[in-house]
mmCIF file of all heavy atoms, coordinates in Angstrom:
data_MODEL
# 
_entry.id   MODEL 
# 
loop_
_atom_site.group_PDB 
_atom_site.id 
_atom_site.type_symbol 
_atom_site.label_atom_id 
_atom_site.label_alt_id 
_atom_site.label_comp_id 
_atom_site.label_asym_id 
_atom_site.label_entity_id 
_atom_site.label_seq_id 
_atom_site.pdbx_PDB_ins_code 
_atom_site.Cartn_x 
_atom_site.Cartn_y 
_atom_site.Cartn_z 
_atom_site.occupancy 
_atom_site.B_iso_or_equiv 
_atom_site.pdbx_formal_charge 
_atom_site.auth_seq_id 
_atom_site.auth_comp_id 
_atom_site.auth_asym_id 
_atom_site.auth_atom_id 
_atom_site.pdbx_PDB_model_num 
ATOM 1   N N   . SER A 1 1  ? -7.085  41.091 99.663  1.00 0.00 ? 1  SER A N   1 
ATOM 2   C CA  . SER A 1 1  ? -7.546  39.990 98.910  1.00 0.00 ? 1  SER A CA  1 
ATOM 3   C C   . SER A 1 1  ? -6.495  38.821 99.066  1.00 0.00 ? 1  SER A C   1 
ATOM 4   O O   . SER A 1 1  ? -5.443  39.066 99.738  1.00 0.00 ? 1  SER A O   1 
ATOM 5   C CB  . SER A 1 1  ? -7.640  40.281 97.434  1.00 0.00 ? 1  SER A CB  1 
ATOM 6   O OG  . SER A 1 1  ? -6.357  40.580 96.914  1.00 0.00 ? 1  SER A OG  1 
ATOM 7   N N   . TRP A 1 2  ? -6.817  37.659 98.628  1.00 0.00 ? 2  TRP A N   1 
ATOM 8   C CA  . TRP A 1 2  ? -5.985  36.521 98.715  1.00 0.00 ? 2  TRP A CA  1 
ATOM 9   C C   . TRP A 1 2  ? -6.243  35.509 97.610  1.00 0.00 ? 2  TRP A C   1 
ATOM 10  O O   . TRP A 1 2  ? -7.329  35.500 97.112  1.00 0.00 ? 2  TRP A O   1 
ATOM 11  C CB  . TRP A 1 2  ? -5.989  35.875 100.076 1.00 0.00 ? 2  TRP A CB  1 
ATOM 12  C CG  . TRP A 1 2  ? -7.343  35.423 100.474 1.00 0.00 ? 2  TRP A CG  1 
ATOM 13  C CD1 . TRP A 1 2  ? -7.926  34.159 100.236 1.00 0.00 ? 2  TRP A CD1 1 
ATOM 14  C CD2 . TRP A 1 2  ? -8.331  36.166 101.192 1.00 0.00 ? 2  TRP A CD2 1 
ATOM 15  N NE1 . TRP A 1 2  ? -9.191  34.160 100.752 1.00 0.00 ? 2  TRP A NE1 1 
ATOM 16  C CE2 . TRP A 1 2  ? -9.477  35.369 101.329 1.00 0.00 ? 2  TRP A CE2 1 
ATOM 17  C CE3 . TRP A 1 2  ? -8.387  37.458 101.648 1.00 0.00 ? 2  TRP A CE3 1 
ATOM 18  C CZ2 . TRP A 1 2  ? -10.625 35.769 101.948 1.00 0.00 ? 2  TRP A CZ2 1 
ATOM 19  C CZ3 . TRP A 1 2  ? -9.531  37.878 102.329 1.00 0.00 ? 2  TRP A CZ3 1 
ATOM 20  C CH2 . TRP A 1 2  ? -10.618 37.090 102.459 1.00 0.00 ? 2  TRP A CH2 1 
ATOM 21  N N   . ASP A 1 3  ? -5.257  34.786 97.309  1.00 0.00 ? 3  ASP A N   1 
ATOM 22  C CA  . ASP A 1 3  ? -5.375  33.736 96.238  1.00 0.00 ? 3  ASP A CA  1 
ATOM 23  C C   . ASP A 1 3  ? -5.058  32.391 96.964  1.00 0.00 ? 3  ASP A C   1 
ATOM 24  O O   . ASP A 1 3  ? -4.182  32.370 97.856  1.00 0.00 ? 3  ASP A O   1 
ATOM 25  C CB  . ASP A 1 3  ? -4.391  33.935 95.137  1.00 0.00 ? 3  ASP A CB  1 
ATOM 26  C CG  . ASP A 1 3  ? -4.527  35.346 94.499  1.00 0.00 ? 3  ASP A CG  1 
ATOM 27  O OD1 . ASP A 1 3  ? -5.607  35.604 94.084  1.00 0.00 ? 3  ASP A OD1 1 
ATOM 28  O OD2 . ASP A 1 3  ? -3.493  36.022 94.376  1.00 0.00 ? 3  ASP A OD2 1 
ATOM 29  N N   . VAL A 1 4  ? -5.688  31.362 96.525  1.00 0.00 ? 4  VAL A N   1 
ATOM 30  C CA  . VAL A 1 4  ? -5.504  30.031 97.065  1.00 0.00 ? 4  VAL A CA  1 
ATOM 31  C C   . VAL A 1 4  ? -5.045  29.187 95.933  1.00 0.00 ? 4  VAL A C   1 
ATOM 32  O O   . VAL A 1 4  ? -5.588  29.153 94.822  1.00 0.00 ? 4  VAL A O   1 
ATOM 33  C CB  . VAL A 1 4  ? -6.790  29.434 97.673  1.00 0.00 ? 4  VAL A CB  1 
ATOM 34  C CG1 . VAL A 1 4  ? -6.539  28.074 98.254  1.00 0.00 ? 4  VAL A CG1 1 
ATOM 35  C CG2 . VAL A 1 4  ? -7.396  30.401 98.731  1.00 0.00 ? 4  VAL A CG2 1 
ATOM 36  N N   . SER A 1 5  ? -3.923  28.383 96.234  1.00 0.00 ? 5  SER A N   1 
ATOM 37  C CA  . SER A 1 5  ? -3.341  27.535 95.152  1.00 0.00 ? 5  SER A CA  1 
ATOM 38  C C   . SER A 1 5  ? -4.327  26.419 94.792  1.00 0.00 ? 5  SER A C   1 
ATOM 39  O O   . SER A 1 5  ? -5.244  26.130 95.600  1.00 0.00 ? 5  SER A O   1 
ATOM 40  C CB  . SER A 1 5  ? -2.038  26.922 95.651  1.00 0.00 ? 5  SER A CB  1 
ATOM 41  O OG  . SER A 1 5  ? -2.335  26.109 96.793  1.00 0.00 ? 5  SER A OG  1 
ATOM 42  N N   . PRO A 1 6  ? -4.249  25.831 93.649  1.00 0.00 ? 6  PRO A N   1 
ATOM 43  C CA  . PRO A 1 6  ? -5.185  24.827 93.257  1.00 0.00 ? 6  PRO A CA  1 
ATOM 44  C C   . PRO A 1 6  ? -5.315  23.607 94.285  1.00 0.00 ? 6  PRO A C   1 
ATOM 45  O O   . PRO A 1 6  ? -6.310  23.050 94.456  1.00 0.00 ? 6  PRO A O   1 
ATOM 46  C CB  . PRO A 1 6  ? -4.675  24.300 91.856  1.00 0.00 ? 6  PRO A CB  1 
ATOM 47  C CG  . PRO A 1 6  ? -3.912  25.490 91.359  1.00 0.00 ? 6  PRO A CG  1 
ATOM 48  C CD  . PRO A 1 6  ? -3.312  26.142 92.569  1.00 0.00 ? 6  PRO A CD  1 
ATOM 49  N N   . ASP A 1 7  ? -4.186  23.295 94.966  1.00 0.00 ? 7  ASP A N   1 
ATOM 50  C CA  . ASP A 1 7  ? -4.234  22.200 95.883  1.00 0.00 ? 7  ASP A CA  1 
ATOM 51  C C   . ASP A 1 7  ? -4.706  22.672 97.287  1.00 0.00 ? 7  ASP A C   1 
ATOM 52  O O   . ASP A 1 7  ? -4.896  21.828 98.173  1.00 0.00 ? 7  ASP A O   1 
ATOM 53  C CB  . ASP A 1 7  ? -2.848  21.527 96.031  1.00 0.00 ? 7  ASP A CB  1 
ATOM 54  C CG  . ASP A 1 7  ? -1.770  22.430 96.606  1.00 0.00 ? 7  ASP A CG  1 
ATOM 55  O OD1 . ASP A 1 7  ? -2.057  23.599 96.916  1.00 0.00 ? 7  ASP A OD1 1 
ATOM 56  O OD2 . ASP A 1 7  ? -0.603  21.974 96.732  1.00 0.00 ? 7  ASP A OD2 1 
ATOM 57  N N   . GLY A 1 8  ? -5.037  23.931 97.425  1.00 0.00 ? 8  GLY A N   1 
ATOM 58  C CA  . GLY A 1 8  ? -5.565  24.481 98.683  1.00 0.00 ? 8  GLY A CA  1 
ATOM 59  C C   . GLY A 1 8  ? -4.502  24.609 99.799  1.00 0.00 ? 8  GLY A C   1 
ATOM 60  O O   . GLY A 1 8  ? -4.960  24.793 100.941 1.00 0.00 ? 8  GLY A O   1 
ATOM 61  N N   . LYS A 1 9  ? -3.294  24.505 99.501  1.00 0.00 ? 9  LYS A N   1 
ATOM 62  C CA  . LYS A 1 9  ? -2.238  24.524 100.562 1.00 0.00 ? 9  LYS A CA  1 
ATOM 63  C C   . LYS A 1 9  ? -1.423  25.743 100.674 1.00 0.00 ? 9  LYS A C   1 
ATOM 64  O O   . LYS A 1 9  ? -0.667  25.907 101.588 1.00 0.00 ? 9  LYS A O   1 
ATOM 65  C CB  . LYS A 1 9  ? -1.346  23.274 100.335 1.00 0.00 ? 9  LYS A CB  1 
ATOM 66  C CG  . LYS A 1 9  ? -2.039  21.976 100.569 1.00 0.00 ? 9  LYS A CG  1 
ATOM 67  C CD  . LYS A 1 9  ? -1.125  20.786 100.525 1.00 0.00 ? 9  LYS A CD  1 
ATOM 68  C CE  . LYS A 1 9  ? -1.857  19.516 100.848 1.00 0.00 ? 9  LYS A CE  1 
ATOM 69  N NZ  . LYS A 1 9  ? -0.910  18.378 100.812 1.00 0.00 ? 9  LYS A NZ  1 
ATOM 70  N N   . THR A 1 10 ? -1.576  26.662 99.708  1.00 0.00 ? 10 THR A N   1 
ATOM 71  C CA  . THR A 1 10 ? -0.787  27.920 99.766  1.00 0.00 ? 10 THR A CA  1 
ATOM 72  C C   . THR A 1 10 ? -1.762  29.129 99.566  1.00 0.00 ? 10 THR A C   1 
ATOM 73  O O   . THR A 1 10 ? -2.523  29.152 98.650  1.00 0.00 ? 10 THR A O   1 
ATOM 74  C CB  . THR A 1 10 ? 0.333   27.947 98.618  1.00 0.00 ? 10 THR A CB  1 
ATOM 75  O OG1 . THR A 1 10 ? 1.157   26.831 98.871  1.00 0.00 ? 10 THR A OG1 1 
ATOM 76  C CG2 . THR A 1 10 ? 1.099   29.243 98.797  1.00 0.00 ? 10 THR A CG2 1 
ATOM 77  N N   . TYR A 1 11 ? -1.698  30.028 100.517 1.00 0.00 ? 11 TYR A N   1 
ATOM 78  C CA  . TYR A 1 11 ? -2.549  31.206 100.513 1.00 0.00 ? 11 TYR A CA  1 
ATOM 79  C C   . TYR A 1 11 ? -1.604  32.415 100.384 1.00 0.00 ? 11 TYR A C   1 
ATOM 80  O O   . TYR A 1 11 ? -0.676  32.637 101.103 1.00 0.00 ? 11 TYR A O   1 
ATOM 81  C CB  . TYR A 1 11 ? -3.253  31.329 101.867 1.00 0.00 ? 11 TYR A CB  1 
ATOM 82  C CG  . TYR A 1 11 ? -4.265  30.191 102.097 1.00 0.00 ? 11 TYR A CG  1 
ATOM 83  C CD1 . TYR A 1 11 ? -3.834  28.895 102.410 1.00 0.00 ? 11 TYR A CD1 1 
ATOM 84  C CD2 . TYR A 1 11 ? -5.603  30.425 101.874 1.00 0.00 ? 11 TYR A CD2 1 
ATOM 85  C CE1 . TYR A 1 11 ? -4.729  27.852 102.582 1.00 0.00 ? 11 TYR A CE1 1 
ATOM 86  C CE2 . TYR A 1 11 ? -6.541  29.372 102.026 1.00 0.00 ? 11 TYR A CE2 1 
ATOM 87  C CZ  . TYR A 1 11 ? -6.084  28.101 102.391 1.00 0.00 ? 11 TYR A CZ  1 
ATOM 88  O OH  . TYR A 1 11 ? -6.974  27.021 102.494 1.00 0.00 ? 11 TYR A OH  1 
ATOM 89  N N   . THR A 1 12 ? -1.865  33.167 99.271  1.00 0.00 ? 12 THR A N   1 
ATOM 90  C CA  . THR A 1 12 ? -1.081  34.365 98.997  1.00 0.00 ? 12 THR A CA  1 
ATOM 91  C C   . THR A 1 12 ? -2.002  35.598 99.356  1.00 0.00 ? 12 THR A C   1 
ATOM 92  O O   . THR A 1 12 ? -3.009  35.837 98.743  1.00 0.00 ? 12 THR A O   1 
ATOM 93  C CB  . THR A 1 12 ? -0.673  34.427 97.557  1.00 0.00 ? 12 THR A CB  1 
ATOM 94  O OG1 . THR A 1 12 ? 0.018   33.232 97.241  1.00 0.00 ? 12 THR A OG1 1 
ATOM 95  C CG2 . THR A 1 12 ? 0.162   35.661 97.219  1.00 0.00 ? 12 THR A CG2 1 
ATOM 96  N N   . PHE A 1 13 ? -1.562  36.267 100.412 1.00 0.00 ? 13 PHE A N   1 
ATOM 97  C CA  . PHE A 1 13 ? -2.283  37.448 100.962 1.00 0.00 ? 13 PHE A CA  1 
ATOM 98  C C   . PHE A 1 13 ? -1.702  38.756 100.366 1.00 0.00 ? 13 PHE A C   1 
ATOM 99  O O   . PHE A 1 13 ? -0.563  38.947 100.425 1.00 0.00 ? 13 PHE A O   1 
ATOM 100 C CB  . PHE A 1 13 ? -2.249  37.462 102.448 1.00 0.00 ? 13 PHE A CB  1 
ATOM 101 C CG  . PHE A 1 13 ? -3.005  36.331 103.121 1.00 0.00 ? 13 PHE A CG  1 
ATOM 102 C CD1 . PHE A 1 13 ? -2.363  35.148 103.432 1.00 0.00 ? 13 PHE A CD1 1 
ATOM 103 C CD2 . PHE A 1 13 ? -4.361  36.434 103.313 1.00 0.00 ? 13 PHE A CD2 1 
ATOM 104 C CE1 . PHE A 1 13 ? -3.075  34.119 104.053 1.00 0.00 ? 13 PHE A CE1 1 
ATOM 105 C CE2 . PHE A 1 13 ? -5.095  35.439 103.938 1.00 0.00 ? 13 PHE A CE2 1 
ATOM 106 C CZ  . PHE A 1 13 ? -4.410  34.247 104.317 1.00 0.00 ? 13 PHE A CZ  1 
ATOM 107 N N   . HIS A 1 14 ? -2.598  39.550 99.785  1.00 0.00 ? 14 HIS A N   1 
ATOM 108 C CA  . HIS A 1 14 ? -2.218  40.856 99.330  1.00 0.00 ? 14 HIS A CA  1 
ATOM 109 C C   . HIS A 1 14 ? -2.692  41.898 100.373 1.00 0.00 ? 14 HIS A C   1 
ATOM 110 O O   . HIS A 1 14 ? -3.926  42.059 100.503 1.00 0.00 ? 14 HIS A O   1 
ATOM 111 C CB  . HIS A 1 14 ? -2.894  41.123 97.956  1.00 0.00 ? 14 HIS A CB  1 
ATOM 112 C CG  . HIS A 1 14 ? -2.603  39.964 96.952  1.00 0.00 ? 14 HIS A CG  1 
ATOM 113 N ND1 . HIS A 1 14 ? -1.425  39.896 96.296  1.00 0.00 ? 14 HIS A ND1 1 
ATOM 114 C CD2 . HIS A 1 14 ? -3.376  38.891 96.618  1.00 0.00 ? 14 HIS A CD2 1 
ATOM 115 C CE1 . HIS A 1 14 ? -1.410  38.814 95.512  1.00 0.00 ? 14 HIS A CE1 1 
ATOM 116 N NE2 . HIS A 1 14 ? -2.605  38.168 95.719  1.00 0.00 ? 14 HIS A NE2 1 
ATOM 117 N N   . LEU A 1 15 ? -1.759  42.500 100.970 1.00 0.00 ? 15 LEU A N   1 
ATOM 118 C CA  . LEU A 1 15 ? -2.028  43.374 102.134 1.00 0.00 ? 15 LEU A CA  1 
ATOM 119 C C   . LEU A 1 15 ? -2.534  44.735 101.642 1.00 0.00 ? 15 LEU A C   1 
ATOM 120 O O   . LEU A 1 15 ? -2.139  45.230 100.637 1.00 0.00 ? 15 LEU A O   1 
ATOM 121 C CB  . LEU A 1 15 ? -0.839  43.590 102.982 1.00 0.00 ? 15 LEU A CB  1 
ATOM 122 C CG  . LEU A 1 15 ? -0.067  42.285 103.501 1.00 0.00 ? 15 LEU A CG  1 
ATOM 123 C CD1 . LEU A 1 15 ? 1.135   42.672 104.304 1.00 0.00 ? 15 LEU A CD1 1 
ATOM 124 C CD2 . LEU A 1 15 ? -1.087  41.489 104.291 1.00 0.00 ? 15 LEU A CD2 1 
ATOM 125 N N   . LYS A 1 16 ? -3.442  45.271 102.417 1.00 0.00 ? 16 LYS A N   1 
ATOM 126 C CA  . LYS A 1 16 ? -3.925  46.649 102.234 1.00 0.00 ? 16 LYS A CA  1 
ATOM 127 C C   . LYS A 1 16 ? -2.751  47.612 102.355 1.00 0.00 ? 16 LYS A C   1 
ATOM 128 O O   . LYS A 1 16 ? -1.981  47.528 103.275 1.00 0.00 ? 16 LYS A O   1 
ATOM 129 C CB  . LYS A 1 16 ? -5.016  47.050 103.199 1.00 0.00 ? 16 LYS A CB  1 
ATOM 130 C CG  . LYS A 1 16 ? -6.329  46.326 102.961 1.00 0.00 ? 16 LYS A CG  1 
ATOM 131 C CD  . LYS A 1 16 ? -7.349  46.847 103.971 1.00 0.00 ? 16 LYS A CD  1 
ATOM 132 C CE  . LYS A 1 16 ? -8.655  46.177 103.776 1.00 0.00 ? 16 LYS A CE  1 
ATOM 133 N NZ  . LYS A 1 16 ? -9.654  46.509 104.822 1.00 0.00 ? 16 LYS A NZ  1 
ATOM 134 N N   . LYS A 1 17 ? -2.690  48.558 101.470 1.00 0.00 ? 17 LYS A N   1 
ATOM 135 C CA  . LYS A 1 17 ? -1.597  49.547 101.520 1.00 0.00 ? 17 LYS A CA  1 
ATOM 136 C C   . LYS A 1 17 ? -2.112  50.677 102.424 1.00 0.00 ? 17 LYS A C   1 
ATOM 137 O O   . LYS A 1 17 ? -3.329  51.022 102.430 1.00 0.00 ? 17 LYS A O   1 
ATOM 138 C CB  . LYS A 1 17 ? -1.222  50.076 100.132 1.00 0.00 ? 17 LYS A CB  1 
ATOM 139 C CG  . LYS A 1 17 ? -0.613  48.940 99.354  1.00 0.00 ? 17 LYS A CG  1 
ATOM 140 C CD  . LYS A 1 17 ? -0.213  49.379 97.941  1.00 0.00 ? 17 LYS A CD  1 
ATOM 141 C CE  . LYS A 1 17 ? 0.442   48.180 97.235  1.00 0.00 ? 17 LYS A CE  1 
ATOM 142 N NZ  . LYS A 1 17 ? 0.356   48.242 95.820  1.00 0.00 ? 17 LYS A NZ  1 
ATOM 143 N N   . GLY A 1 18 ? -1.214  51.393 103.076 1.00 0.00 ? 18 GLY A N   1 
ATOM 144 C CA  . GLY A 1 18 ? -1.619  52.496 103.970 1.00 0.00 ? 18 GLY A CA  1 
ATOM 145 C C   . GLY A 1 18 ? -1.985  52.162 105.368 1.00 0.00 ? 18 GLY A C   1 
ATOM 146 O O   . GLY A 1 18 ? -2.311  53.060 106.089 1.00 0.00 ? 18 GLY A O   1 
ATOM 147 N N   . VAL A 1 19 ? -2.066  50.843 105.689 1.00 0.00 ? 19 VAL A N   1 
ATOM 148 C CA  . VAL A 1 19 ? -2.392  50.491 107.079 1.00 0.00 ? 19 VAL A CA  1 
ATOM 149 C C   . VAL A 1 19 ? -1.210  50.777 107.966 1.00 0.00 ? 19 VAL A C   1 
ATOM 150 O O   . VAL A 1 19 ? -0.083  50.462 107.661 1.00 0.00 ? 19 VAL A O   1 
ATOM 151 C CB  . VAL A 1 19 ? -2.758  48.951 107.151 1.00 0.00 ? 19 VAL A CB  1 
ATOM 152 C CG1 . VAL A 1 19 ? -2.992  48.540 108.622 1.00 0.00 ? 19 VAL A CG1 1 
ATOM 153 C CG2 . VAL A 1 19 ? -3.985  48.680 106.312 1.00 0.00 ? 19 VAL A CG2 1 
ATOM 154 N N   . LYS A 1 20 ? -1.480  51.487 109.030 1.00 0.00 ? 20 LYS A N   1 
ATOM 155 C CA  . LYS A 1 20 ? -0.404  51.949 109.912 1.00 0.00 ? 20 LYS A CA  1 
ATOM 156 C C   . LYS A 1 20 ? -0.506  51.505 111.331 1.00 0.00 ? 20 LYS A C   1 
ATOM 157 O O   . LYS A 1 20 ? -1.709  51.376 111.831 1.00 0.00 ? 20 LYS A O   1 
ATOM 158 C CB  . LYS A 1 20 ? -0.256  53.500 109.858 1.00 0.00 ? 20 LYS A CB  1 
ATOM 159 C CG  . LYS A 1 20 ? 0.086   53.922 108.466 1.00 0.00 ? 20 LYS A CG  1 
ATOM 160 C CD  . LYS A 1 20 ? 0.346   55.354 108.451 1.00 0.00 ? 20 LYS A CD  1 
ATOM 161 C CE  . LYS A 1 20 ? 0.614   55.705 106.931 1.00 0.00 ? 20 LYS A CE  1 
ATOM 162 N NZ  . LYS A 1 20 ? 1.269   56.860 106.675 1.00 0.00 ? 20 LYS A NZ  1 
ATOM 163 N N   . PHE A 1 21 ? 0.596   51.214 111.969 1.00 0.00 ? 21 PHE A N   1 
ATOM 164 C CA  . PHE A 1 21 ? 0.608   50.951 113.393 1.00 0.00 ? 21 PHE A CA  1 
ATOM 165 C C   . PHE A 1 21 ? 0.414   52.281 114.130 1.00 0.00 ? 21 PHE A C   1 
ATOM 166 O O   . PHE A 1 21 ? 0.416   53.364 113.554 1.00 0.00 ? 21 PHE A O   1 
ATOM 167 C CB  . PHE A 1 21 ? 1.956   50.346 113.765 1.00 0.00 ? 21 PHE A CB  1 
ATOM 168 C CG  . PHE A 1 21 ? 2.129   48.881 113.239 1.00 0.00 ? 21 PHE A CG  1 
ATOM 169 C CD1 . PHE A 1 21 ? 2.908   48.676 112.151 1.00 0.00 ? 21 PHE A CD1 1 
ATOM 170 C CD2 . PHE A 1 21 ? 1.505   47.867 113.860 1.00 0.00 ? 21 PHE A CD2 1 
ATOM 171 C CE1 . PHE A 1 21 ? 3.066   47.344 111.581 1.00 0.00 ? 21 PHE A CE1 1 
ATOM 172 C CE2 . PHE A 1 21 ? 1.657   46.594 113.378 1.00 0.00 ? 21 PHE A CE2 1 
ATOM 173 C CZ  . PHE A 1 21 ? 2.481   46.303 112.255 1.00 0.00 ? 21 PHE A CZ  1 
ATOM 174 N N   . HIS A 1 22 ? 0.201   52.100 115.464 1.00 0.00 ? 22 HIS A N   1 
ATOM 175 C CA  . HIS A 1 22 ? -0.035  53.300 116.247 1.00 0.00 ? 22 HIS A CA  1 
ATOM 176 C C   . HIS A 1 22 ? 1.117   54.333 116.212 1.00 0.00 ? 22 HIS A C   1 
ATOM 177 O O   . HIS A 1 22 ? 0.928   55.525 116.418 1.00 0.00 ? 22 HIS A O   1 
ATOM 178 C CB  . HIS A 1 22 ? -0.179  52.896 117.770 1.00 0.00 ? 22 HIS A CB  1 
ATOM 179 C CG  . HIS A 1 22 ? 1.040   52.352 118.413 1.00 0.00 ? 22 HIS A CG  1 
ATOM 180 N ND1 . HIS A 1 22 ? 1.532   51.090 118.138 1.00 0.00 ? 22 HIS A ND1 1 
ATOM 181 C CD2 . HIS A 1 22 ? 1.887   52.984 119.266 1.00 0.00 ? 22 HIS A CD2 1 
ATOM 182 C CE1 . HIS A 1 22 ? 2.595   50.922 118.799 1.00 0.00 ? 22 HIS A CE1 1 
ATOM 183 N NE2 . HIS A 1 22 ? 2.862   51.981 119.542 1.00 0.00 ? 22 HIS A NE2 1 
ATOM 184 N N   . ASN A 1 23 ? 2.354   53.870 115.876 1.00 0.00 ? 23 ASN A N   1 
ATOM 185 C CA  . ASN A 1 23 ? 3.459   54.770 115.743 1.00 0.00 ? 23 ASN A CA  1 
ATOM 186 C C   . ASN A 1 23 ? 3.673   55.390 114.394 1.00 0.00 ? 23 ASN A C   1 
ATOM 187 O O   . ASN A 1 23 ? 4.605   56.119 114.170 1.00 0.00 ? 23 ASN A O   1 
ATOM 188 C CB  . ASN A 1 23 ? 4.769   54.062 116.224 1.00 0.00 ? 23 ASN A CB  1 
ATOM 189 C CG  . ASN A 1 23 ? 5.121   52.894 115.276 1.00 0.00 ? 23 ASN A CG  1 
ATOM 190 O OD1 . ASN A 1 23 ? 4.461   52.600 114.264 1.00 0.00 ? 23 ASN A OD1 1 
ATOM 191 N ND2 . ASN A 1 23 ? 6.172   52.211 115.605 1.00 0.00 ? 23 ASN A ND2 1 
ATOM 192 N N   . GLY A 1 24 ? 2.762   55.103 113.459 1.00 0.00 ? 24 GLY A N   1 
ATOM 193 C CA  . GLY A 1 24 ? 2.789   55.636 112.104 1.00 0.00 ? 24 GLY A CA  1 
ATOM 194 C C   . GLY A 1 24 ? 3.462   54.825 111.103 1.00 0.00 ? 24 GLY A C   1 
ATOM 195 O O   . GLY A 1 24 ? 3.469   55.129 109.951 1.00 0.00 ? 24 GLY A O   1 
ATOM 196 N N   . LYS A 1 25 ? 4.130   53.738 111.580 1.00 0.00 ? 25 LYS A N   1 
ATOM 197 C CA  . LYS A 1 25 ? 4.855   52.832 110.608 1.00 0.00 ? 25 LYS A CA  1 
ATOM 198 C C   . LYS A 1 25 ? 3.839   52.023 109.816 1.00 0.00 ? 25 LYS A C   1 
ATOM 199 O O   . LYS A 1 25 ? 2.867   51.449 110.343 1.00 0.00 ? 25 LYS A O   1 
ATOM 200 C CB  . LYS A 1 25 ? 5.730   51.860 111.423 1.00 0.00 ? 25 LYS A CB  1 
ATOM 201 C CG  . LYS A 1 25 ? 6.468   50.884 110.520 1.00 0.00 ? 25 LYS A CG  1 
ATOM 202 C CD  . LYS A 1 25 ? 7.238   49.839 111.384 1.00 0.00 ? 25 LYS A CD  1 
ATOM 203 C CE  . LYS A 1 25 ? 7.870   48.771 110.530 1.00 0.00 ? 25 LYS A CE  1 
ATOM 204 N NZ  . LYS A 1 25 ? 6.962   47.906 109.822 1.00 0.00 ? 25 LYS A NZ  1 
# 
Protein backbone atom coordinates (compact mmCIF):
# COMPACT_ATOMS: atom_id res chain seq x y z
CA SER A 1 0.00 0.00 0.00
CA TRP A 2 1.00 3.65 -0.14
CA ASP A 3 -0.10 7.00 1.17
CA VAL A 4 0.05 10.26 -0.75
CA SER A 5 0.56 13.56 1.03
CA PRO A 6 -2.18 16.21 0.65
CA ASP A 7 0.00 18.22 -1.75
CA GLY A 8 0.62 15.09 -3.88
CA LYS A 9 4.40 15.40 -3.56
CA THR A 10 5.31 12.70 -1.05
CA TYR A 11 4.55 9.01 -1.48
CA THR A 12 4.98 6.72 1.51
CA PHE A 13 5.28 3.10 0.39
CA HIS A 14 4.57 0.28 2.83
CA LEU A 15 6.50 -2.73 1.58
CA LYS A 16 5.19 -6.28 1.58
CA LYS A 17 6.85 -8.33 4.30
CA GLY A 18 8.44 -11.65 3.42
CA VAL A 19 9.46 -10.70 -0.14
CA LYS A 20 12.85 -12.29 -0.77
CA PHE A 21 15.61 -11.94 -3.29
CA HIS A 22 16.93 -15.01 -5.10
CA ASN A 23 19.55 -15.45 -2.36
CA GLY A 24 16.92 -15.59 0.41
CA LYS A 25 17.55 -12.06 1.76
